[in-house]
Amino acid sequence: MKYAVISDLHANLAALELVLKDAASCGAQKVVCLGDIVGYGPLPAETFRLIQKTASVIVAGNHDDAVSGRMDPSDFIDLASDAVHRHRDLLSKDELKALRLLPYTAKIEGAELSHGDFTEPQEFNYIDSDEAACANFAASDAQLLFVGHTHTPCMYITGASGRIYQLEAQDFVLEEGKRYIVNTGSVGYPRESNGRCLSSYVIYDSTNKTVSFRFLPFSVSSVMQRGKNRKASRLLPLIIVSLVCVLGGALFFLSRNKAPAPQPTIAVAEKTPIDERSVTLPPSAKEVRANLRLENKSYPAQVEFVFLTASGDKIRSESKHVKEGYRAAIEIPQGAVSVKFKVFEASTGKAPRIKSFLPAAK
């Protein structure tokens, strides 16, 4: 059986339609959805109706719970919180009830599904580190685990040694004795990474035991809010992210056959950082980790890291939006002798509370 495994649609009907068409062309026989059908985008009702019609399995995402009233959205950033109230008005009572009744986990042939993680599915924790991946492997007996939530396609693998390996999204064949966590990325609201911003999903063939990532062009217009009550102040953050996506995608395709260039930077607004740490990189070091943890129920943060040469020139910089913390390994680019980490507010006037912040290289 061929499954199209999709996640984080975010009320983006155009992106969903494109993915469903592509999945059909790949021979997908069933569609399964890992949640966040609503939130952010312009067409929650239309998107929900289409996924109800086409998906054989749907699990709940945190935005689905927030819109349906099953979860308190008070810790959402302003853009997400605004969308919650707007989407409640656009969905019918029956549709809101259907969202409230979605399960948090499900199973298909040879795999288990969740939006965030499997340790406490209703809490929507992120799998964004080796430690989180290890806890999730322990929480399930399935060989293959599918998740979304971070909007970043990637995978974690473990075997007999118990060591966790985090890898970029890539096609693979399931091997006996190995287990896998696969993050499918986002259909309707992808985040720019490695110079790209593309809708992503996965084709899982349970018969041939293969997992294949699919990446499709992303349209800026598909995420624009619509209607008489649209406010420019609500649109601005989404427009900025979308424009970064388009620029990143264009640079990626233009540079495919050229020497690698520095990755585009997601700019952080000119703010004073809440905290800032620098790490000198030993010659043997291959990766760094921010090791940032936010206090429970804290506001989200924006983490910026900048790799520098011995003369202080910037080699590469990037920014990440984090809700609970950021502990993922970051590969050190050639020529870097130090890295600077900065933590900013993700939304004006709502400072995150830092529990620990101990950047390290190894």
Protein backbone atom coordinates (compact mmCIF):
# COMPACT_ATOMS: atom_id res chain seq x y z
CA MET A 1 0.00 0.00 0.00
CA LYS A 2 1.25 3.47 -0.88
CA TYR A 3 0.44 6.23 1.61
CA ALA A 4 0.84 9.97 1.16
CA VAL A 5 1.79 11.21 4.64
CA ILE A 6 1.13 14.94 4.95
CA SER A 7 1.19 17.45 7.79
CA ASP A 8 0.76 21.11 8.73
CA LEU A 9 -1.69 22.18 6.01
CA HIS A 10 -2.49 25.42 7.86
CA ALA A 11 -5.63 26.36 5.95
CA ASN A 12 -3.70 26.55 2.68
CA LEU A 13 -6.12 25.03 0.17
CA ALA A 14 -3.97 25.69 -2.91
CA ALA A 15 -0.93 23.95 -1.41
CA LEU A 16 -3.06 20.97 -0.33
CA GLU A 17 -4.59 20.59 -3.77
CA LEU A 18 -1.13 20.64 -5.36
CA VAL A 19 0.17 17.98 -2.97
CA LEU A 20 -2.86 15.73 -3.43
CA LYS A 21 -2.46 15.94 -7.22
CA ASP A 22 1.24 15.09 -6.93
CA ALA A 23 0.51 12.19 -4.56
CA ALA A 24 -2.01 10.75 -7.01
CA SER A 25 0.58 10.95 -9.80
CA CYS A 26 2.97 8.98 -7.56
CA GLY A 27 0.40 6.20 -7.14
CA ALA A 28 -0.59 6.97 -3.55
CA GLN A 29 -3.60 4.86 -2.60
CA LYS A 30 -4.35 6.49 0.76
CA VAL A 31 -3.71 9.87 2.37
CA VAL A 32 -2.97 10.26 6.07
CA CYS A 33 -2.76 13.64 7.78
CA LEU A 34 -0.64 14.44 10.84
CA GLY A 35 -2.62 17.49 11.90
CA ASP A 36 -2.58 21.27 11.92
CA ILE A 37 -5.21 21.40 9.23
CA VAL A 38 -6.12 24.91 10.35
CA GLY A 39 -4.16 27.87 11.74
CA TYR A 40 -2.36 30.75 9.99
CA GLY A 41 -3.76 30.44 6.45
CA PRO A 42 -6.78 31.90 4.61
CA LEU A 43 -9.19 28.99 4.00
CA PRO A 44 -9.70 26.77 7.07
CA ALA A 45 -13.18 25.48 6.22
CA GLU A 46 -12.36 24.61 2.61
CA THR A 47 -9.09 22.94 3.61
CA PHE A 48 -10.76 20.94 6.39
CA ARG A 49 -13.55 19.75 4.08
CA LEU A 50 -11.07 18.59 1.45
CA ILE A 51 -8.88 16.69 3.91
CA GLN A 52 -11.96 15.09 5.49
CA LYS A 53 -12.98 13.91 2.04
CA THR A 54 -9.58 12.59 0.94
CA ALA A 55 -7.73 11.37 4.06
CA SER A 56 -8.31 7.92 5.54
CA VAL A 57 -6.62 8.87 8.84
CA ILE A 58 -6.30 12.28 10.53
CA VAL A 59 -4.69 13.07 13.88
CA ALA A 60 -4.99 16.35 15.79
CA GLY A 61 -2.43 19.14 15.74
CA ASN A 62 -2.00 21.91 18.29
CA HIS A 63 -3.63 24.50 16.00
CA ASP A 64 -6.58 22.16 15.47
CA ASP A 65 -6.98 21.86 19.24
CA ALA A 66 -6.66 25.61 19.73
CA VAL A 67 -9.28 26.43 17.10
CA SER A 68 -11.67 23.74 18.30
CA GLY A 69 -11.40 24.91 21.92
CA ARG A 70 -9.77 21.74 23.20
CA MET A 71 -6.57 23.63 24.04
CA ASP A 72 -5.82 27.09 25.46
CA PRO A 73 -3.98 29.18 22.80
CA SER A 74 -2.79 31.82 25.29
CA ASP A 75 0.89 30.99 24.68
CA PHE A 76 0.58 31.32 20.89
CA ILE A 77 2.41 34.16 19.16
CA ASP A 78 0.19 37.03 17.98
CA LEU A 79 -0.09 35.83 14.38
CA ALA A 80 -1.19 32.34 15.44
CA SER A 81 -3.55 33.65 18.12
CA ASP A 82 -5.26 35.99 15.65
CA ALA A 83 -5.79 33.07 13.27
CA VAL A 84 -7.36 30.96 16.02
CA HIS A 85 -10.19 33.46 16.54
CA ARG A 86 -10.62 34.09 12.82
CA HIS A 87 -10.82 30.37 12.03
CA ARG A 88 -13.37 29.72 14.78
CA ASP A 89 -15.66 32.18 13.02
CA LEU A 90 -15.10 30.57 9.61
CA LEU A 91 -15.74 26.95 10.65
CA SER A 92 -19.20 25.56 11.31
CA LYS A 93 -20.23 24.06 14.66
CA ASP A 94 -20.08 20.57 13.15
CA GLU A 95 -16.59 21.20 11.79
CA LEU A 96 -15.37 22.50 15.15
CA LYS A 97 -16.83 19.41 16.81
CA ALA A 98 -15.08 17.17 14.27
CA LEU A 99 -11.77 18.88 15.08
CA ARG A 100 -12.32 18.30 18.81
CA LEU A 101 -12.87 14.58 18.23
CA LEU A 102 -9.65 13.96 16.28
CA PRO A 103 -7.36 11.39 17.96
CA TYR A 104 -3.83 12.33 18.98
CA THR A 105 -2.17 9.20 17.56
CA ALA A 106 -3.03 6.55 14.99
CA LYS A 107 -1.49 3.54 13.28
CA ILE A 108 -1.19 2.41 9.68
CA GLU A 109 0.64 -0.60 8.24
CA GLY A 110 4.06 -0.73 9.90
CA ALA A 111 3.98 2.83 11.22
CA GLU A 112 2.58 5.05 13.97
CA LEU A 113 1.42 8.65 13.55
CA SER A 114 1.43 11.74 15.77
CA HIS A 115 1.54 15.48 15.20
CA GLY A 116 4.18 16.41 17.77
CA ASP A 117 5.62 13.40 19.59
CA PHE A 118 4.66 10.11 21.23
CA THR A 119 5.67 10.71 24.86
CA GLU A 120 2.68 12.97 25.57
CA PRO A 121 0.88 13.40 22.23
CA GLN A 122 -1.71 15.82 23.62
CA GLU A 123 1.07 18.17 24.80
CA PHE A 124 2.52 18.59 21.28
CA ASN A 125 6.17 18.47 22.29
CA TYR A 126 8.79 18.94 19.59
CA ILE A 127 11.16 16.26 18.39
CA ASP A 128 14.07 18.61 17.76
CA SER A 129 17.03 16.91 19.41
CA ASP A 130 18.68 13.53 19.89
CA GLU A 131 17.35 13.45 23.45
CA ALA A 132 13.77 14.01 22.29
CA ALA A 133 14.16 11.37 19.59
CA CYS A 134 15.47 8.86 22.13
CA ALA A 135 12.47 9.45 24.40
CA ASN A 136 10.10 8.91 21.49
CA PHE A 137 11.73 5.68 20.38
CA ALA A 138 11.22 4.49 23.97
CA ALA A 139 7.56 5.58 23.95
CA SER A 140 6.59 3.43 20.95
CA ASP A 141 7.32 -0.06 19.70
CA ALA A 142 6.81 0.83 16.03
CA GLN A 143 9.76 0.65 13.65
CA LEU A 144 8.60 3.75 11.79
CA LEU A 145 7.21 6.91 13.40
CA PHE A 146 5.79 9.82 11.39
CA VAL A 147 5.52 13.34 12.87
CA GLY A 148 5.15 16.96 11.78
CA HIS A 149 4.86 20.09 13.96
CA THR A 150 8.32 21.63 13.37
CA HIS A 151 7.62 22.33 9.66
CA THR A 152 11.15 21.07 8.94
CA PRO A 153 11.56 17.80 7.03
CA CYS A 154 14.21 15.59 8.61
CA MET A 155 14.72 12.14 10.14
CA TYR A 156 16.22 10.34 13.14
CA ILE A 157 17.60 6.80 13.00
CA THR A 158 18.68 4.37 15.69
CA GLY A 159 19.91 0.79 15.64
CA ALA A 160 21.34 -1.92 17.86
CA SER A 161 23.87 0.47 19.44
CA GLY A 162 21.12 2.78 20.63
CA ARG A 163 22.91 5.82 19.26
CA ILE A 164 20.67 8.45 17.62
CA TYR A 165 21.52 9.89 14.21
CA GLN A 166 19.79 13.03 12.94
CA LEU A 167 19.81 13.29 9.14
CA GLU A 168 18.49 15.64 6.50
CA ALA A 169 15.40 14.48 4.61
CA GLN A 170 16.33 11.70 2.20
CA ASP A 171 14.73 8.67 0.59
CA PHE A 172 15.47 5.32 2.22
CA VAL A 173 14.51 1.66 2.55
CA LEU A 174 13.56 0.38 6.01
CA GLU A 175 16.23 -1.99 7.32
CA GLU A 176 15.70 -4.75 9.84
CA GLY A 177 17.13 -3.81 13.23
CA LYS A 178 16.80 -0.08 12.62
CA ARG A 179 14.08 2.34 13.69
CA TYR A 180 13.11 5.66 12.19
CA ILE A 181 11.39 8.92 13.10
CA VAL A 182 10.40 10.83 9.97
CA ASN A 183 9.28 14.46 10.02
CA THR A 184 7.38 15.13 6.80
CA GLY A 185 7.72 18.92 6.94
CA SER A 186 4.82 21.20 6.06
CA VAL A 187 2.40 21.33 3.15
CA GLY A 188 0.86 24.73 3.76
CA TYR A 189 3.40 26.81 5.70
CA PRO A 190 6.97 25.58 5.08
CA ARG A 191 9.90 27.34 6.69
CA GLU A 192 12.98 28.33 4.73
CA SER A 193 15.93 26.02 5.27
CA ASN A 194 19.18 25.44 3.37
CA GLY A 195 18.21 28.04 0.79
CA ARG A 196 14.86 26.41 0.04
CA CYS A 197 11.22 26.95 0.87
CA LEU A 198 9.12 24.15 -0.56
CA SER A 199 5.97 22.30 0.45
CA SER A 200 7.00 18.82 1.54
CA TYR A 201 5.39 15.47 2.30
CA VAL A 202 6.26 11.77 2.20
CA ILE A 203 5.26 8.75 0.12
CA TYR A 204 5.41 5.62 2.31
CA ASP A 205 5.23 2.25 0.54
CA SER A 206 4.38 -0.32 3.21
CA THR A 207 4.82 -3.22 0.77
CA ASN A 208 8.28 -2.31 -0.49
CA LYS A 209 9.20 -0.66 2.83
CA THR A 210 10.36 2.59 1.27
CA VAL A 211 10.01 6.21 2.37
CA SER A 212 10.38 8.96 -0.24
CA PHE A 213 10.30 12.71 0.36
CA ARG A 214 8.48 14.96 -2.09
CA PHE A 215 9.16 18.70 -2.47
CA LEU A 216 6.88 21.02 -4.45
CA PRO A 217 6.92 24.74 -5.34
CA PHE A 218 5.36 27.00 -2.73
CA SER A 219 3.15 29.95 -3.69
CA VAL A 220 3.22 33.18 -1.67
CA SER A 221 -0.39 34.04 -2.59
CA SER A 222 -1.64 30.78 -1.08
CA VAL A 223 -0.98 31.96 2.49
CA MET A 224 -2.45 35.45 2.21
CA GLN A 225 -5.44 36.11 4.43
CA ARG A 226 -8.61 37.08 2.59
CA GLY A 227 -11.86 38.88 3.27
CA LYS A 228 -13.15 42.29 4.32
CA ASN A 229 -11.63 42.15 7.80
CA ARG A 230 -8.08 41.53 6.67
CA LYS A 231 -5.56 43.74 8.48
CA ALA A 232 -2.14 44.60 7.14
CA SER A 233 -0.67 44.37 10.64
CA ARG A 234 -1.69 40.71 10.80
CA LEU A 235 -0.38 39.96 7.34
CA LEU A 236 3.06 41.53 7.64
CA PRO A 237 4.86 38.71 9.53
CA LEU A 238 3.43 36.08 7.18
CA ILE A 239 4.32 38.10 4.09
CA ILE A 240 7.90 38.53 5.30
CA VAL A 241 8.28 34.79 5.92
CA SER A 242 6.76 34.00 2.54
CA LEU A 243 9.04 36.42 0.69
CA VAL A 244 12.05 34.86 2.41
CA CYS A 245 10.77 31.47 1.22
CA VAL A 246 10.51 32.63 -2.37
CA LEU A 247 13.94 34.26 -2.31
CA GLY A 248 15.46 31.18 -0.71
CA GLY A 249 13.86 28.89 -3.29
CA ALA A 250 15.05 31.01 -6.19
CA LEU A 251 18.61 31.10 -4.86
CA PHE A 252 18.57 27.34 -4.37
CA PHE A 253 17.55 26.53 -7.91
CA LEU A 254 19.91 29.12 -9.43
CA SER A 255 22.87 27.77 -7.50
CA ARG A 256 22.34 24.04 -7.95
CA ASN A 257 25.16 23.73 -10.51
CA LYS A 258 27.45 26.33 -8.97
CA ALA A 259 29.82 26.38 -6.03
CA PRO A 260 27.97 26.58 -2.71
CA ALA A 261 27.20 30.11 -1.59
CA PRO A 262 26.40 31.36 1.91
CA GLN A 263 22.85 30.45 2.92
CA PRO A 264 20.20 33.20 3.02
CA THR A 265 19.64 34.57 6.48
CA ILE A 266 16.25 34.89 8.11
CA ALA A 267 16.69 38.34 9.53
CA VAL A 268 15.88 39.05 13.14
CA ALA A 269 14.44 42.49 13.75
CA GLU A 270 16.84 45.02 15.26
CA LYS A 271 16.29 44.22 18.90
CA THR A 272 18.44 43.91 21.95
CA PRO A 273 19.01 40.19 22.65
CA ILE A 274 17.71 38.78 25.91
CA ASP A 275 20.88 36.72 26.20
CA GLU A 276 24.00 36.24 24.11
CA ARG A 277 26.74 33.61 24.26
CA SER A 278 29.88 33.00 22.17
CA VAL A 279 31.69 29.69 21.71
CA THR A 280 35.27 29.29 20.45
CA LEU A 281 35.41 26.28 18.16
CA PRO A 282 38.14 23.68 18.77
CA PRO A 283 39.82 22.43 15.54
CA SER A 284 38.33 18.97 16.09
CA ALA A 285 34.75 20.22 16.58
CA LYS A 286 32.19 19.24 13.93
CA GLU A 287 28.95 20.57 15.40
CA VAL A 288 27.55 22.99 17.95
CA ARG A 289 24.37 23.04 20.02
CA ALA A 290 22.65 26.03 21.57
CA ASN A 291 21.38 23.88 24.47
CA LEU A 292 18.62 26.39 25.09
CA ARG A 293 15.67 25.47 27.28
CA LEU A 294 12.74 27.77 27.99
CA GLU A 295 10.68 27.55 31.15
CA ASN A 296 7.39 25.70 30.94
CA LYS A 297 4.57 27.94 29.59
CA SER A 298 7.10 30.58 28.59
CA TYR A 299 6.61 32.69 25.48
CA PRO A 300 8.43 31.51 22.32
CA ALA A 301 11.90 32.80 21.44
CA GLN A 302 13.91 33.54 18.32
CA VAL A 303 17.41 32.04 18.36
CA GLU A 304 20.03 33.47 16.01
CA PHE A 305 23.41 31.85 15.46
CA VAL A 306 26.32 33.36 13.51
CA PHE A 307 29.50 31.52 12.47
CA LEU A 308 32.58 33.77 12.27
CA THR A 309 36.09 33.59 10.81
CA ALA A 310 39.25 34.47 12.74
CA SER A 311 38.99 38.04 11.38
CA GLY A 312 35.38 38.35 12.56
CA ASP A 313 33.76 38.00 9.12
CA LYS A 314 30.41 36.23 8.99
CA ILE A 315 30.40 32.87 7.20
CA ARG A 316 26.83 31.79 7.84
CA SER A 317 23.95 32.88 10.01
CA GLU A 318 20.43 31.62 10.57
CA SER A 319 17.47 32.22 12.87
CA LYS A 320 15.09 29.70 14.42
CA HIS A 321 11.71 30.18 16.08
CA VAL A 322 11.51 27.95 19.16
CA LYS A 323 8.74 27.22 21.64
CA GLU A 324 10.33 24.99 24.28
CA GLY A 325 14.02 25.11 23.44
CA TYR A 326 16.63 24.50 20.78
CA ARG A 327 19.07 21.64 21.20
CA ALA A 328 19.52 20.38 17.64
CA ALA A 329 23.05 19.84 16.31
CA ILE A 330 24.29 22.48 13.87
CA GLU A 331 27.09 21.57 11.45
CA ILE A 332 30.11 23.86 11.63
CA PRO A 333 30.94 25.40 8.22
CA GLN A 334 34.51 25.29 6.93
CA GLY A 335 36.62 28.22 8.10
CA ALA A 336 34.58 29.03 11.21
CA VAL A 337 36.55 29.59 14.42
CA SER A 338 33.71 30.81 16.64
CA VAL A 339 29.92 30.93 16.80
CA LYS A 340 27.71 33.51 18.48
CA PHE A 341 24.24 32.60 19.78
CA LYS A 342 21.63 35.27 20.54
CA VAL A 343 18.15 34.88 22.04
CA PHE A 344 15.44 37.40 21.13
CA GLU A 345 11.76 37.89 21.85
CA ALA A 346 9.65 36.16 19.20
CA SER A 347 6.87 38.72 19.67
CA THR A 348 7.10 42.29 20.90
CA GLY A 349 6.54 42.76 24.60
CA LYS A 350 6.42 39.06 25.41
CA ALA A 351 9.87 38.02 26.58
CA PRO A 352 10.59 34.28 26.89
CA ARG A 353 11.92 33.00 30.21
CA ILE A 354 15.18 31.11 29.82
CA LYS A 355 15.66 28.05 32.00
CA SER A 356 19.14 27.19 30.72
CA PHE A 357 21.37 28.38 27.89
CA LEU A 358 24.70 26.52 27.60
CA PRO A 359 26.04 26.50 24.01
CA ALA A 360 28.74 23.91 23.36
CA ALA A 361 30.85 22.49 20.54
CA LYS A 362 32.01 18.95 19.98
